[in-house]
Amino acid sequence: MLAAGIQVLGFKGGLLHTKSVVVDRQVALFGSVNLDVRSFWLDFEVTLGVYDPDFAERPLSLQTKYVDDSIPVDLQTWQQRPAVERFIENLTRLVSPLL
């Protein structure tokens, strides 16, 4: 994603597990769904959509705070992360269907 020009931010405040989207300051989507097969088919997770501009400002304000408490992930730095870190990431990806 970084190579394609997508900005990735690393949240400094600990684990951030929020799944929320605000569209055109009018629609808010939030819930527990991850974008993977397990969330869609096995875990029965849901996302709620609310079409209300006043309501949409609430999660948008929270998202802005998250962005303010984050640092950009640099492509070169990401590519140069330690081999041990990459190995653990790959191992985790390999066993993730079992988790």
Protein backbone atom coordinates (compact mmCIF):
# COMPACT_ATOMS: atom_id res chain seq x y z
CA MET A 1 0.00 0.00 0.00
CA LEU A 2 2.85 2.38 0.80
CA ALA A 3 4.41 1.74 -2.60
CA ALA A 4 1.07 2.63 -4.22
CA GLY A 5 1.06 6.00 -2.43
CA ILE A 6 -1.43 5.21 0.34
CA GLN A 7 -0.65 7.00 3.58
CA VAL A 8 -0.34 4.62 6.54
CA LEU A 9 -0.27 5.97 10.08
CA GLY A 10 1.05 4.24 13.18
CA PHE A 11 -1.07 5.04 16.24
CA LYS A 12 1.11 5.98 19.22
CA GLY A 13 -1.55 5.50 21.89
CA GLY A 14 -1.45 1.69 22.06
CA LEU A 15 -3.66 -0.84 20.30
CA LEU A 16 -6.28 0.83 18.13
CA HIS A 17 -8.96 -1.66 17.16
CA THR A 18 -11.51 0.83 15.82
CA LYS A 19 -13.26 0.10 12.55
CA SER A 20 -15.01 3.25 11.44
CA VAL A 21 -15.56 5.21 8.25
CA VAL A 22 -17.17 8.59 7.69
CA VAL A 23 -18.33 9.37 4.15
CA ASP A 24 -18.91 12.98 3.05
CA ARG A 25 -19.47 14.03 6.68
CA GLN A 26 -22.95 12.50 6.40
CA VAL A 27 -22.68 8.73 6.74
CA ALA A 28 -20.93 6.94 9.59
CA LEU A 29 -20.04 3.24 9.45
CA PHE A 30 -18.66 1.48 12.49
CA GLY A 31 -18.61 -2.01 13.89
CA SER A 32 -16.55 -5.09 14.56
CA VAL A 33 -15.93 -6.41 11.04
CA ASN A 34 -12.40 -6.95 9.82
CA LEU A 35 -11.96 -7.18 6.06
CA ASP A 36 -11.32 -10.90 6.00
CA VAL A 37 -13.28 -14.08 5.35
CA ARG A 38 -13.36 -15.08 9.01
CA SER A 39 -15.12 -11.87 10.05
CA PHE A 40 -17.63 -12.06 7.22
CA TRP A 41 -18.51 -15.76 7.33
CA LEU A 42 -17.47 -17.29 10.66
CA ASP A 43 -17.61 -14.66 13.39
CA PHE A 44 -20.98 -13.11 12.54
CA GLU A 45 -19.58 -9.61 12.97
CA VAL A 46 -21.57 -6.55 11.98
CA THR A 47 -21.20 -2.94 10.89
CA LEU A 48 -23.79 -0.28 11.60
CA GLY A 49 -24.45 2.48 9.10
CA VAL A 50 -25.94 5.78 10.26
CA TYR A 51 -27.05 8.45 7.80
CA ASP A 52 -27.07 11.57 9.97
CA PRO A 53 -24.66 14.50 9.48
CA ASP A 54 -24.81 15.50 13.15
CA PHE A 55 -24.03 11.97 14.27
CA ALA A 56 -21.26 11.56 11.66
CA GLU A 57 -19.33 14.44 13.24
CA ARG A 58 -18.77 12.38 16.40
CA PRO A 59 -16.73 9.54 14.89
CA LEU A 60 -15.06 12.03 12.54
CA SER A 61 -13.87 14.04 15.55
CA LEU A 62 -12.55 10.85 17.17
CA GLN A 63 -10.77 9.83 13.95
CA THR A 64 -9.10 13.25 13.82
CA LYS A 65 -7.77 12.71 17.35
CA TYR A 66 -6.41 9.32 16.29
CA VAL A 67 -4.64 10.88 13.30
CA ASP A 68 -3.18 13.61 15.51
CA ASP A 69 -1.78 10.92 17.83
CA SER A 70 -0.16 8.95 14.99
CA ILE A 71 3.05 9.03 13.00
CA PRO A 72 3.39 8.35 9.26
CA VAL A 73 4.89 5.01 8.25
CA ASP A 74 7.74 5.63 5.82
CA LEU A 75 8.19 3.14 2.95
CA GLN A 76 11.98 3.03 3.25
CA THR A 77 11.86 2.53 7.02
CA TRP A 78 9.22 -0.19 6.62
CA GLN A 79 11.31 -2.04 4.03
CA GLN A 80 14.37 -1.89 6.32
CA ARG A 81 12.68 -3.28 9.45
CA PRO A 82 14.61 -6.12 11.11
CA ALA A 83 14.46 -9.61 9.62
CA VAL A 84 13.22 -11.02 12.94
CA GLU A 85 10.23 -8.65 12.81
CA ARG A 86 9.41 -9.69 9.23
CA PHE A 87 9.73 -13.37 10.19
CA ILE A 88 7.29 -12.97 13.09
CA GLU A 89 4.84 -11.11 10.83
CA ASN A 90 5.02 -13.89 8.22
CA LEU A 91 4.65 -16.62 10.83
CA THR A 92 1.64 -14.86 12.31
CA ARG A 93 0.07 -14.55 8.86
CA LEU A 94 0.67 -18.26 8.28
CA VAL A 95 -1.11 -19.38 11.46
CA SER A 96 -3.81 -16.70 11.49
CA PRO A 97 -6.48 -19.05 10.02
CA LEU A 98 -6.05 -21.20 13.13
CA LEU A 99 -6.51 -18.34 15.58
